[in-house]
Amino acid sequence: MIFVGEQRMHNKSLPLLWFLLGYTLREPSLYFLRSMLGLSGNACSCRRCIIHLDDEDDSWFMERFNQSFHPLMSRKSSMLSDDTYRWWQWLQAEKSPSNLTIVLDRLFQLIPAEERYVDANPDRCRTCSVVGNSGNLRESRYGSYIDSSDFVIRMNQAPTQGFEKDVGYKTTHHLMYPESAIDLDNSTRLILIPFKTLDLEWIISALTTGDISKTYVPVKSRIKANKDKVLIYNPGFLKYVYDSWLEGHGRYPSTGFLSLMFAVHICDEVKVFGFGADQDGNWHHYWEDNMLRGAFRHTGVHDGDYEYNITLLLADKHKITLYRGG
């Protein structure tokens, strides 16, 4: 039996309790049921979890957070609604796209097709470092602290060689799209962010024949990556991030914000580095010597200010820990 208002419960009630908890976490409109059940404490075994049942700020977070959207595509979760498909194809205005079902079938014959990171439970503590590319990482000495996380998530070019003391050397997941692709070592998981069907065809080609060398600009025709560790960012999840978290600001989310949302949905404790301007207000990459103000703040398709404000709000509500440089 469950004692309402207490944390004691009969062991046989645990499966039902965690079913109800999982359901309410997936359905923000049912958030109030957790209070009715008298649940309290963390939903993971970390010192501070993203899902914290006693947190008075949860209402803002839970209105946006929805675990029913999977960050990654799998054979099981590869279907897109008509609305999502039309929105996704509109992002980069692809003309005469290939049949998505056929492309995905080819893709999942080449890369893993099973679901990943759906193992959330109260005994898990998965720590993650999301490492952006801001110049505020320079002289930060964050390297060893970044590498102490279970997952270290980087994006786009993000070199580590020569910058280890500030950005670390470990990379478990690297998010990119065809136009920002770089070679990876054999142990790193490549997460492709596709903005069109051609991007999915590109990753097939880049891992096999090398036939595709141009999207809307020239791209790498081949890429060094372990095909058994390639994962695909779900366009349905991308639209969820755009609708629920950015509320339609910009044309679509930046790689940095998509990386952050990926971590928030698969990790229990998230540390964030290399986001925002440096202490002098400059926006530039940590590997660049040229400190052009606003170098990557306004790209025309992303609303950098709005994204950063949401990042700050997540930090203010203790959902993430944001490190702003040395």
C-alpha atoms as a PDB file:
ATOM      1  CA  MET A   1       0.000   0.000   0.000  1.00  0.00           C
ATOM      2  CA  ILE A   2       1.057   3.622  -0.566  1.00  0.00           C
ATOM      3  CA  PHE A   3       1.001   6.065   2.329  1.00  0.00           C
ATOM      4  CA  VAL A   4      -0.036   9.419   0.865  1.00  0.00           C
ATOM      5  CA  GLY A   5       2.276  12.191   2.010  1.00  0.00           C
ATOM      6  CA  GLU A   6       5.082   9.794   2.979  1.00  0.00           C
ATOM      7  CA  GLN A   7       7.843   8.044   1.059  1.00  0.00           C
ATOM      8  CA  ARG A   8       7.106   4.609   2.562  1.00  0.00           C
ATOM      9  CA  MET A   9       5.394   2.063   0.342  1.00  0.00           C
ATOM     10  CA  HIS A  10       4.993  -1.663  -0.005  1.00  0.00           C
ATOM     11  CA  ASN A  11       7.500  -3.187  -2.419  1.00  0.00           C
ATOM     12  CA  LYS A  12       4.703  -4.582  -4.587  1.00  0.00           C
ATOM     13  CA  SER A  13       3.474  -1.039  -5.193  1.00  0.00           C
ATOM     14  CA  LEU A  14       6.753   0.176  -6.673  1.00  0.00           C
ATOM     15  CA  PRO A  15       6.094  -0.893 -10.296  1.00  0.00           C
ATOM     16  CA  LEU A  16       2.694   0.800 -10.260  1.00  0.00           C
ATOM     17  CA  LEU A  17       4.114   3.907  -8.627  1.00  0.00           C
ATOM     18  CA  TRP A  18       6.878   4.311 -11.187  1.00  0.00           C
ATOM     19  CA  PHE A  19       4.425   3.632 -14.016  1.00  0.00           C
ATOM     20  CA  LEU A  20       2.229   6.456 -12.721  1.00  0.00           C
ATOM     21  CA  LEU A  21       5.236   8.705 -12.184  1.00  0.00           C
ATOM     22  CA  GLY A  22       6.575   8.031 -15.669  1.00  0.00           C
ATOM     23  CA  TYR A  23       3.164   8.730 -17.147  1.00  0.00           C
ATOM     24  CA  THR A  24       2.739  12.008 -15.303  1.00  0.00           C
ATOM     25  CA  LEU A  25       6.237  13.120 -16.301  1.00  0.00           C
ATOM     26  CA  ARG A  26       5.349  12.453 -19.920  1.00  0.00           C
ATOM     27  CA  GLU A  27       2.047  14.322 -19.607  1.00  0.00           C
ATOM     28  CA  PRO A  28       2.669  17.790 -18.155  1.00  0.00           C
ATOM     29  CA  SER A  29      -1.083  18.409 -17.869  1.00  0.00           C
ATOM     30  CA  LEU A  30      -1.154  15.662 -15.213  1.00  0.00           C
ATOM     31  CA  TYR A  31       1.615  17.229 -13.151  1.00  0.00           C
ATOM     32  CA  PHE A  32      -0.744  17.752 -10.203  1.00  0.00           C
ATOM     33  CA  LEU A  33      -1.165  13.976  -9.732  1.00  0.00           C
ATOM     34  CA  ARG A  34       2.318  13.755  -8.262  1.00  0.00           C
ATOM     35  CA  SER A  35       1.259  16.089  -5.458  1.00  0.00           C
ATOM     36  CA  MET A  36      -1.898  14.054  -4.895  1.00  0.00           C
ATOM     37  CA  LEU A  37       0.237  10.926  -4.480  1.00  0.00           C
ATOM     38  CA  GLY A  38       2.420  12.743  -1.956  1.00  0.00           C
ATOM     39  CA  LEU A  39       5.589  11.998  -3.891  1.00  0.00           C
ATOM     40  CA  SER A  40       8.772  13.786  -2.904  1.00  0.00           C
ATOM     41  CA  GLY A  41      12.514  13.670  -3.496  1.00  0.00           C
ATOM     42  CA  ASN A  42      14.631  13.026  -6.587  1.00  0.00           C
ATOM     43  CA  ALA A  43      13.739  10.827  -9.556  1.00  0.00           C
ATOM     44  CA  CYS A  44      17.375   9.712  -9.856  1.00  0.00           C
ATOM     45  CA  SER A  45      20.251   8.885  -7.524  1.00  0.00           C
ATOM     46  CA  CYS A  46      22.358  11.984  -8.254  1.00  0.00           C
ATOM     47  CA  ARG A  47      22.857  14.665  -5.625  1.00  0.00           C
ATOM     48  CA  ARG A  48      20.708  17.026  -7.675  1.00  0.00           C
ATOM     49  CA  CYS A  49      18.435  15.656 -10.412  1.00  0.00           C
ATOM     50  CA  ILE A  50      16.773  17.468 -13.295  1.00  0.00           C
ATOM     51  CA  ILE A  51      13.496  15.880 -12.200  1.00  0.00           C
ATOM     52  CA  HIS A  52      13.128  16.854  -8.549  1.00  0.00           C
ATOM     53  CA  LEU A  53       9.665  16.210  -7.193  1.00  0.00           C
ATOM     54  CA  ASP A  54       9.882  18.714  -4.349  1.00  0.00           C
ATOM     55  CA  ASP A  55      11.047  21.590  -6.532  1.00  0.00           C
ATOM     56  CA  GLU A  56       8.559  24.462  -6.455  1.00  0.00           C
ATOM     57  CA  ASP A  57       9.844  25.595  -9.853  1.00  0.00           C
ATOM     58  CA  ASP A  58       8.808  22.344 -11.515  1.00  0.00           C
ATOM     59  CA  SER A  59       5.575  23.817 -12.887  1.00  0.00           C
ATOM     60  CA  TRP A  60       7.418  26.065 -15.396  1.00  0.00           C
ATOM     61  CA  PHE A  61       9.710  23.219 -16.371  1.00  0.00           C
ATOM     62  CA  MET A  62       7.033  20.550 -16.626  1.00  0.00           C
ATOM     63  CA  GLU A  63       4.855  22.702 -18.882  1.00  0.00           C
ATOM     64  CA  ARG A  64       7.663  22.343 -21.432  1.00  0.00           C
ATOM     65  CA  PHE A  65       9.370  19.066 -20.576  1.00  0.00           C
ATOM     66  CA  ASN A  66       7.811  16.021 -22.256  1.00  0.00           C
ATOM     67  CA  GLN A  67       9.539  12.636 -22.147  1.00  0.00           C
ATOM     68  CA  SER A  68       7.227  11.142 -24.741  1.00  0.00           C
ATOM     69  CA  PHE A  69       9.375  12.826 -27.416  1.00  0.00           C
ATOM     70  CA  HIS A  70      12.488  10.739 -28.064  1.00  0.00           C
ATOM     71  CA  PRO A  71      15.622  12.781 -28.895  1.00  0.00           C
ATOM     72  CA  LEU A  72      16.937  10.097 -31.250  1.00  0.00           C
ATOM     73  CA  MET A  73      15.449   8.252 -34.179  1.00  0.00           C
ATOM     74  CA  SER A  74      15.171   4.477 -34.113  1.00  0.00           C
ATOM     75  CA  ARG A  75      13.347   2.007 -36.271  1.00  0.00           C
ATOM     76  CA  LYS A  76      10.595   2.077 -33.656  1.00  0.00           C
ATOM     77  CA  SER A  77      10.348   5.878 -33.448  1.00  0.00           C
ATOM     78  CA  SER A  78      11.112   6.967 -37.012  1.00  0.00           C
ATOM     79  CA  MET A  79       7.597   7.883 -38.151  1.00  0.00           C
ATOM     80  CA  LEU A  80       6.908  11.606 -38.545  1.00  0.00           C
ATOM     81  CA  SER A  81       3.459  13.143 -38.506  1.00  0.00           C
ATOM     82  CA  ASP A  82       2.418  14.979 -41.666  1.00  0.00           C
ATOM     83  CA  ASP A  83       2.666  18.285 -39.795  1.00  0.00           C
ATOM     84  CA  THR A  84       6.169  17.540 -38.520  1.00  0.00           C
ATOM     85  CA  TYR A  85       7.344  16.300 -41.914  1.00  0.00           C
ATOM     86  CA  ARG A  86       6.099  19.457 -43.691  1.00  0.00           C
ATOM     87  CA  TRP A  87       7.740  21.704 -41.083  1.00  0.00           C
ATOM     88  CA  TRP A  88      11.003  19.776 -41.254  1.00  0.00           C
ATOM     89  CA  GLN A  89      11.150  19.919 -45.071  1.00  0.00           C
ATOM     90  CA  TRP A  90      10.448  23.656 -44.929  1.00  0.00           C
ATOM     91  CA  LEU A  91      13.538  24.356 -42.786  1.00  0.00           C
ATOM     92  CA  GLN A  92      15.998  24.285 -45.670  1.00  0.00           C
ATOM     93  CA  ALA A  93      13.467  24.218 -48.522  1.00  0.00           C
ATOM     94  CA  GLU A  94      14.570  20.933 -50.048  1.00  0.00           C
ATOM     95  CA  LYS A  95      13.216  20.447 -53.571  1.00  0.00           C
ATOM     96  CA  SER A  96      11.932  17.018 -54.635  1.00  0.00           C
ATOM     97  CA  PRO A  97      13.101  15.096 -51.538  1.00  0.00           C
ATOM     98  CA  SER A  98      13.545  11.339 -51.734  1.00  0.00           C
ATOM     99  CA  ASN A  99      11.000   9.023 -50.134  1.00  0.00           C
ATOM    100  CA  LEU A 100      11.726   9.241 -46.406  1.00  0.00           C
ATOM    101  CA  THR A 101      10.590   5.694 -45.615  1.00  0.00           C
ATOM    102  CA  ILE A 102      12.965   4.222 -48.195  1.00  0.00           C
ATOM    103  CA  VAL A 103      15.862   6.396 -47.003  1.00  0.00           C
ATOM    104  CA  LEU A 104      15.302   5.429 -43.362  1.00  0.00           C
ATOM    105  CA  ASP A 105      15.144   1.761 -44.272  1.00  0.00           C
ATOM    106  CA  ARG A 106      18.546   2.042 -45.972  1.00  0.00           C
ATOM    107  CA  LEU A 107      19.905   4.043 -43.069  1.00  0.00           C
ATOM    108  CA  PHE A 108      18.904   1.555 -40.374  1.00  0.00           C
ATOM    109  CA  GLN A 109      20.485  -1.262 -42.317  1.00  0.00           C
ATOM    110  CA  LEU A 110      23.766   0.616 -41.909  1.00  0.00           C
ATOM    111  CA  ILE A 111      23.619   2.105 -38.398  1.00  0.00           C
ATOM    112  CA  PRO A 112      22.059   0.910 -35.101  1.00  0.00           C
ATOM    113  CA  ALA A 113      18.270   0.848 -35.224  1.00  0.00           C
ATOM    114  CA  GLU A 114      17.387   0.285 -31.564  1.00  0.00           C
ATOM    115  CA  GLU A 115      16.193   2.885 -29.087  1.00  0.00           C
ATOM    116  CA  ARG A 116      18.795   4.559 -26.883  1.00  0.00           C
ATOM    117  CA  TYR A 117      18.767   6.251 -23.471  1.00  0.00           C
ATOM    118  CA  VAL A 118      15.247   5.293 -22.383  1.00  0.00           C
ATOM    119  CA  ASP A 119      16.512   3.780 -19.132  1.00  0.00           C
ATOM    120  CA  ALA A 120      15.587   6.546 -16.662  1.00  0.00           C
ATOM    121  CA  ASN A 121      14.936   5.182 -13.170  1.00  0.00           C
ATOM    122  CA  PRO A 122      15.409   6.293  -9.542  1.00  0.00           C
ATOM    123  CA  ASP A 123      18.666   4.314  -9.233  1.00  0.00           C
ATOM    124  CA  ARG A 124      20.383   5.916 -12.217  1.00  0.00           C
ATOM    125  CA  CYS A 125      22.762   8.871 -11.995  1.00  0.00           C
ATOM    126  CA  ARG A 126      23.947   9.867 -15.460  1.00  0.00           C
ATOM    127  CA  THR A 127      26.083  13.012 -15.372  1.00  0.00           C
ATOM    128  CA  CYS A 128      26.631  15.002 -18.553  1.00  0.00           C
ATOM    129  CA  SER A 129      28.804  17.926 -19.633  1.00  0.00           C
ATOM    130  CA  VAL A 130      27.505  19.943 -22.585  1.00  0.00           C
ATOM    131  CA  VAL A 131      30.446  21.846 -24.058  1.00  0.00           C
ATOM    132  CA  GLY A 132      29.633  24.798 -26.273  1.00  0.00           C
ATOM    133  CA  ASN A 133      32.151  26.644 -28.399  1.00  0.00           C
ATOM    134  CA  SER A 134      32.229  30.073 -26.754  1.00  0.00           C
ATOM    135  CA  GLY A 135      35.434  31.991 -26.215  1.00  0.00           C
ATOM    136  CA  ASN A 136      34.559  32.182 -22.511  1.00  0.00           C
ATOM    137  CA  LEU A 137      36.221  28.756 -22.203  1.00  0.00           C
ATOM    138  CA  ARG A 138      39.648  30.333 -22.721  1.00  0.00           C
ATOM    139  CA  GLU A 139      41.760  30.213 -19.554  1.00  0.00           C
ATOM    140  CA  SER A 140      38.820  28.628 -17.707  1.00  0.00           C
ATOM    141  CA  ARG A 141      40.747  25.522 -16.602  1.00  0.00           C
ATOM    142  CA  TYR A 142      37.516  23.523 -16.829  1.00  0.00           C
ATOM    143  CA  GLY A 143      39.082  20.623 -18.723  1.00  0.00           C
ATOM    144  CA  SER A 144      39.347  17.986 -15.993  1.00  0.00           C
ATOM    145  CA  TYR A 145      35.955  18.942 -14.554  1.00  0.00           C
ATOM    146  CA  ILE A 146      34.317  18.584 -17.983  1.00  0.00           C
ATOM    147  CA  ASP A 147      35.916  15.172 -18.460  1.00  0.00           C
ATOM    148  CA  SER A 148      34.658  13.928 -15.068  1.00  0.00           C
ATOM    149  CA  SER A 149      31.101  13.509 -16.434  1.00  0.00           C
ATOM    150  CA  ASP A 150      29.794  10.195 -17.763  1.00  0.00           C
ATOM    151  CA  PHE A 151      28.855  11.832 -21.079  1.00  0.00           C
ATOM    152  CA  VAL A 152      30.756  14.726 -22.646  1.00  0.00           C
ATOM    153  CA  ILE A 153      28.744  16.273 -25.468  1.00  0.00           C
ATOM    154  CA  ARG A 154      30.369  18.543 -28.064  1.00  0.00           C
ATOM    155  CA  MET A 155      29.155  20.074 -31.307  1.00  0.00           C
ATOM    156  CA  ASN A 156      30.258  21.140 -34.808  1.00  0.00           C
ATOM    157  CA  GLN A 157      34.003  21.849 -35.199  1.00  0.00           C
ATOM    158  CA  ALA A 158      34.913  21.889 -31.450  1.00  0.00           C
ATOM    159  CA  PRO A 159      38.633  21.017 -31.504  1.00  0.00           C
ATOM    160  CA  THR A 160      40.137  19.681 -28.275  1.00  0.00           C
ATOM    161  CA  GLN A 161      43.807  19.255 -29.232  1.00  0.00           C
ATOM    162  CA  GLY A 162      45.777  22.130 -27.797  1.00  0.00           C
ATOM    163  CA  PHE A 163      42.859  23.283 -25.634  1.00  0.00           C
ATOM    164  CA  GLU A 164      42.628  20.341 -23.228  1.00  0.00           C
ATOM    165  CA  LYS A 165      43.215  22.315 -20.024  1.00  0.00           C
ATOM    166  CA  ASP A 166      40.188  24.500 -20.790  1.00  0.00           C
ATOM    167  CA  VAL A 167      37.807  22.206 -22.702  1.00  0.00           C
ATOM    168  CA  GLY A 168      38.967  18.688 -21.805  1.00  0.00           C
ATOM    169  CA  TYR A 169      39.904  15.860 -24.110  1.00  0.00           C
ATOM    170  CA  LYS A 170      37.009  13.416 -23.657  1.00  0.00           C
ATOM    171  CA  THR A 171      34.122  13.290 -26.137  1.00  0.00           C
ATOM    172  CA  THR A 172      31.388  10.665 -25.915  1.00  0.00           C
ATOM    173  CA  HIS A 173      28.826  12.350 -28.214  1.00  0.00           C
ATOM    174  CA  HIS A 174      29.447  14.834 -31.016  1.00  0.00           C
ATOM    175  CA  LEU A 175      26.514  16.624 -32.673  1.00  0.00           C
ATOM    176  CA  MET A 176      26.892  17.917 -36.220  1.00  0.00           C
ATOM    177  CA  TYR A 177      25.108  18.384 -39.525  1.00  0.00           C
ATOM    178  CA  PRO A 178      26.599  17.762 -42.986  1.00  0.00           C
ATOM    179  CA  GLU A 179      27.808  21.326 -43.440  1.00  0.00           C
ATOM    180  CA  SER A 180      29.672  21.280 -40.080  1.00  0.00           C
ATOM    181  CA  ALA A 181      30.953  17.687 -40.250  1.00  0.00           C
ATOM    182  CA  ILE A 182      34.377  16.685 -38.974  1.00  0.00           C
ATOM    183  CA  ASP A 183      36.142  13.337 -38.599  1.00  0.00           C
ATOM    184  CA  LEU A 184      35.749  11.522 -35.272  1.00  0.00           C
ATOM    185  CA  ASP A 185      37.697   8.828 -33.468  1.00  0.00           C
ATOM    186  CA  ASN A 186      36.388   5.294 -33.229  1.00  0.00           C
ATOM    187  CA  SER A 187      34.968   5.650 -29.705  1.00  0.00           C
ATOM    188  CA  THR A 188      32.839   8.794 -30.160  1.00  0.00           C
ATOM    189  CA  ARG A 189      29.146   8.647 -31.015  1.00  0.00           C
ATOM    190  CA  LEU A 190      28.276  10.859 -33.973  1.00  0.00           C
ATOM    191  CA  ILE A 191      24.818  12.408 -33.628  1.00  0.00           C
ATOM    192  CA  LEU A 192      23.646  13.764 -36.961  1.00  0.00           C
ATOM    193  CA  ILE A 193      21.152  16.627 -36.869  1.00  0.00           C
ATOM    194  CA  PRO A 194      19.227  16.305 -40.144  1.00  0.00           C
ATOM    195  CA  PHE A 195      17.456  19.379 -41.494  1.00  0.00           C
ATOM    196  CA  LYS A 196      16.273  17.632 -44.667  1.00  0.00           C
ATOM    197  CA  THR A 197      16.035  14.171 -46.220  1.00  0.00           C
ATOM    198  CA  LEU A 198      19.247  14.812 -48.166  1.00  0.00           C
ATOM    199  CA  ASP A 199      21.123  15.002 -44.851  1.00  0.00           C
ATOM    200  CA  LEU A 200      20.114  11.406 -44.092  1.00  0.00           C
ATOM    201  CA  GLU A 201      21.223  10.369 -47.569  1.00  0.00           C
ATOM    202  CA  TRP A 202      24.497  12.212 -46.994  1.00  0.00           C
ATOM    203  CA  ILE A 203      25.383  10.237 -43.856  1.00  0.00           C
ATOM    204  CA  ILE A 204      24.708   6.971 -45.717  1.00  0.00           C
ATOM    205  CA  SER A 205      26.948   8.127 -48.534  1.00  0.00           C
ATOM    206  CA  ALA A 206      29.627   9.578 -46.223  1.00  0.00           C
ATOM    207  CA  LEU A 207      29.965   6.216 -44.477  1.00  0.00           C
ATOM    208  CA  THR A 208      29.974   4.167 -47.716  1.00  0.00           C
ATOM    209  CA  THR A 209      30.342   5.360 -51.311  1.00  0.00           C
ATOM    210  CA  GLY A 210      31.103   9.059 -50.876  1.00  0.00           C
ATOM    211  CA  ASP A 211      28.785   9.979 -53.754  1.00  0.00           C
ATOM    212  CA  ILE A 212      27.258  13.082 -52.157  1.00  0.00           C
ATOM    213  CA  SER A 213      29.621  16.052 -52.007  1.00  0.00           C
ATOM    214  CA  LYS A 214      27.122  18.923 -51.938  1.00  0.00           C
ATOM    215  CA  THR A 215      23.942  19.832 -50.090  1.00  0.00           C
ATOM    216  CA  TYR A 216      23.257  23.539 -50.551  1.00  0.00           C
ATOM    217  CA  VAL A 217      27.030  24.055 -50.206  1.00  0.00           C
ATOM    218  CA  PRO A 218      29.997  21.704 -50.710  1.00  0.00           C
ATOM    219  CA  VAL A 219      30.327  19.156 -47.884  1.00  0.00           C
ATOM    220  CA  LYS A 220      32.739  16.384 -46.937  1.00  0.00           C
ATOM    221  CA  SER A 221      32.024  13.442 -49.222  1.00  0.00           C
ATOM    222  CA  ARG A 222      33.378  10.963 -46.675  1.00  0.00           C
ATOM    223  CA  ILE A 223      33.705  11.069 -42.929  1.00  0.00           C
ATOM    224  CA  LYS A 224      35.721   9.063 -40.432  1.00  0.00           C
ATOM    225  CA  ALA A 225      33.308   7.727 -37.839  1.00  0.00           C
ATOM    226  CA  ASN A 226      32.310   4.413 -36.334  1.00  0.00           C
ATOM    227  CA  LYS A 227      29.084   3.504 -38.153  1.00  0.00           C
ATOM    228  CA  ASP A 228      28.084   1.344 -35.183  1.00  0.00           C
ATOM    229  CA  LYS A 229      28.022   4.498 -33.059  1.00  0.00           C
ATOM    230  CA  VAL A 230      26.130   6.806 -35.429  1.00  0.00           C
ATOM    231  CA  LEU A 231      22.846   8.180 -34.083  1.00  0.00           C
ATOM    232  CA  ILE A 232      20.235  10.453 -35.674  1.00  0.00           C
ATOM    233  CA  TYR A 233      18.594  13.440 -33.981  1.00  0.00           C
ATOM    234  CA  ASN A 234      14.845  13.017 -34.316  1.00  0.00           C
ATOM    235  CA  PRO A 235      13.141  15.711 -36.462  1.00  0.00           C
ATOM    236  CA  GLY A 236      10.061  15.243 -34.274  1.00  0.00           C
ATOM    237  CA  PHE A 237      12.142  16.091 -31.223  1.00  0.00           C
ATOM    238  CA  LEU A 238      13.646  19.060 -33.065  1.00  0.00           C
ATOM    239  CA  LYS A 239      10.133  20.423 -33.675  1.00  0.00           C
ATOM    240  CA  TYR A 240       9.187  19.788 -30.036  1.00  0.00           C
ATOM    241  CA  VAL A 241      12.216  21.834 -28.912  1.00  0.00           C
ATOM    242  CA  TYR A 242      11.254  24.617 -31.308  1.00  0.00           C
ATOM    243  CA  ASP A 243       7.586  24.669 -30.281  1.00  0.00           C
ATOM    244  CA  SER A 244       7.754  23.972 -26.543  1.00  0.00           C
ATOM    245  CA  TRP A 245      11.059  25.529 -25.502  1.00  0.00           C
ATOM    246  CA  LEU A 246      11.699  28.291 -28.037  1.00  0.00           C
ATOM    247  CA  GLU A 247       8.019  29.026 -28.701  1.00  0.00           C
ATOM    248  CA  GLY A 248       8.689  29.671 -32.375  1.00  0.00           C
ATOM    249  CA  HIS A 249      11.628  32.073 -31.984  1.00  0.00           C
ATOM    250  CA  GLY A 250      14.058  31.914 -34.898  1.00  0.00           C
ATOM    251  CA  ARG A 251      13.663  29.650 -37.902  1.00  0.00           C
ATOM    252  CA  TYR A 252      14.956  26.590 -36.028  1.00  0.00           C
ATOM    253  CA  PRO A 253      17.122  25.907 -32.941  1.00  0.00           C
ATOM    254  CA  SER A 254      20.894  26.172 -32.994  1.00  0.00           C
ATOM    255  CA  THR A 255      23.143  23.129 -32.633  1.00  0.00           C
ATOM    256  CA  GLY A 256      24.097  24.372 -29.175  1.00  0.00           C
ATOM    257  CA  PHE A 257      20.523  24.564 -27.949  1.00  0.00           C
ATOM    258  CA  LEU A 258      19.665  21.200 -29.514  1.00  0.00           C
ATOM    259  CA  SER A 259      22.679  19.709 -27.727  1.00  0.00           C
ATOM    260  CA  LEU A 260      21.497  21.181 -24.432  1.00  0.00           C
ATOM    261  CA  MET A 261      17.974  19.809 -24.889  1.00  0.00           C
ATOM    262  CA  PHE A 262      19.373  16.399 -25.812  1.00  0.00           C
ATOM    263  CA  ALA A 263      21.252  16.352 -22.506  1.00  0.00           C
ATOM    264  CA  VAL A 264      18.293  17.597 -20.471  1.00  0.00           C
ATOM    265  CA  HIS A 265      16.214  14.685 -21.775  1.00  0.00           C
ATOM    266  CA  ILE A 266      18.716  11.824 -21.418  1.00  0.00           C
ATOM    267  CA  CYS A 267      20.791  12.894 -18.400  1.00  0.00           C
ATOM    268  CA  ASP A 268      20.077  13.186 -14.690  1.00  0.00           C
ATOM    269  CA  GLU A 269      22.547  15.965 -13.919  1.00  0.00           C
ATOM    270  CA  VAL A 270      23.710  18.453 -16.556  1.00  0.00           C
ATOM    271  CA  LYS A 271      26.688  20.817 -16.447  1.00  0.00           C
ATOM    272  CA  VAL A 272      26.935  23.392 -19.236  1.00  0.00           C
ATOM    273  CA  PHE A 273      30.146  25.068 -20.421  1.00  0.00           C
ATOM    274  CA  GLY A 274      31.032  27.413 -23.270  1.00  0.00           C
ATOM    275  CA  PHE A 275      27.667  29.111 -23.802  1.00  0.00           C
ATOM    276  CA  GLY A 276      27.227  32.877 -24.161  1.00  0.00           C
ATOM    277  CA  ALA A 277      29.715  35.723 -24.476  1.00  0.00           C
ATOM    278  CA  ASP A 278      33.049  36.056 -22.709  1.00  0.00           C
ATOM    279  CA  GLN A 279      33.512  38.420 -19.759  1.00  0.00           C
ATOM    280  CA  ASP A 280      34.184  41.328 -22.144  1.00  0.00           C
ATOM    281  CA  GLY A 281      30.928  40.750 -24.013  1.00  0.00           C
ATOM    282  CA  ASN A 282      32.601  39.204 -27.064  1.00  0.00           C
ATOM    283  CA  TRP A 283      30.885  36.382 -28.933  1.00  0.00           C
ATOM    284  CA  HIS A 284      33.485  34.185 -30.622  1.00  0.00           C
ATOM    285  CA  HIS A 285      34.760  30.593 -30.706  1.00  0.00           C
ATOM    286  CA  TYR A 286      37.404  29.519 -28.211  1.00  0.00           C
ATOM    287  CA  TRP A 287      39.805  28.449 -30.971  1.00  0.00           C
ATOM    288  CA  GLU A 288      39.595  31.801 -32.797  1.00  0.00           C
ATOM    289  CA  ASP A 289      42.056  34.627 -32.236  1.00  0.00           C
ATOM    290  CA  ASN A 290      39.782  37.147 -33.906  1.00  0.00           C
ATOM    291  CA  MET A 291      37.455  38.469 -31.200  1.00  0.00           C
ATOM    292  CA  LEU A 292      34.759  39.889 -33.453  1.00  0.00           C
ATOM    293  CA  ARG A 293      31.838  41.001 -31.310  1.00  0.00           C
ATOM    294  CA  GLY A 294      28.708  39.083 -32.278  1.00  0.00           C
ATOM    295  CA  ALA A 295      30.611  36.656 -34.522  1.00  0.00           C
ATOM    296  CA  PHE A 296      28.079  33.865 -34.020  1.00  0.00           C
ATOM    297  CA  ARG A 297      25.342  35.549 -32.011  1.00  0.00           C
ATOM    298  CA  HIS A 298      23.099  36.449 -34.941  1.00  0.00           C
ATOM    299  CA  THR A 299      23.127  33.911 -37.749  1.00  0.00           C
ATOM    300  CA  GLY A 300      19.833  34.790 -39.412  1.00  0.00           C
ATOM    301  CA  VAL A 301      18.123  31.475 -38.596  1.00  0.00           C
ATOM    302  CA  HIS A 302      18.625  31.240 -34.801  1.00  0.00           C
ATOM    303  CA  ASP A 303      17.467  33.576 -32.037  1.00  0.00           C
ATOM    304  CA  GLY A 304      20.618  33.456 -29.920  1.00  0.00           C
ATOM    305  CA  ASP A 305      19.366  35.877 -27.288  1.00  0.00           C
ATOM    306  CA  TYR A 306      16.160  33.925 -26.690  1.00  0.00           C
ATOM    307  CA  GLU A 307      18.016  30.607 -26.547  1.00  0.00           C
ATOM    308  CA  TYR A 308      20.510  31.984 -24.047  1.00  0.00           C
ATOM    309  CA  ASN A 309      17.726  33.430 -21.892  1.00  0.00           C
ATOM    310  CA  ILE A 310      16.097  29.984 -21.704  1.00  0.00           C
ATOM    311  CA  THR A 311      19.495  28.526 -20.790  1.00  0.00           C
ATOM    312  CA  LEU A 312      19.849  31.099 -18.004  1.00  0.00           C
ATOM    313  CA  LEU A 313      16.344  30.307 -16.771  1.00  0.00           C
ATOM    314  CA  LEU A 314      17.128  26.588 -16.633  1.00  0.00           C
ATOM    315  CA  ALA A 315      20.189  27.429 -14.567  1.00  0.00           C
ATOM    316  CA  ASP A 316      18.236  29.777 -12.307  1.00  0.00           C
ATOM    317  CA  LYS A 317      15.720  26.997 -11.633  1.00  0.00           C
ATOM    318  CA  HIS A 318      18.565  24.548 -10.852  1.00  0.00           C
ATOM    319  CA  LYS A 319      17.794  22.240 -13.783  1.00  0.00           C
ATOM    320  CA  ILE A 320      21.300  22.693 -15.130  1.00  0.00           C
ATOM    321  CA  THR A 321      24.540  24.134 -13.751  1.00  0.00           C
ATOM    322  CA  LEU A 322      25.957  26.843 -16.023  1.00  0.00           C
ATOM    323  CA  TYR A 323      29.678  27.679 -15.954  1.00  0.00           C
ATOM    324  CA  ARG A 324      30.486  31.042 -17.512  1.00  0.00           C
ATOM    325  CA  GLY A 325      34.242  30.968 -17.901  1.00  0.00           C
ATOM    326  CA  GLY A 326      37.314  31.978 -15.986  1.00  0.00           C
END
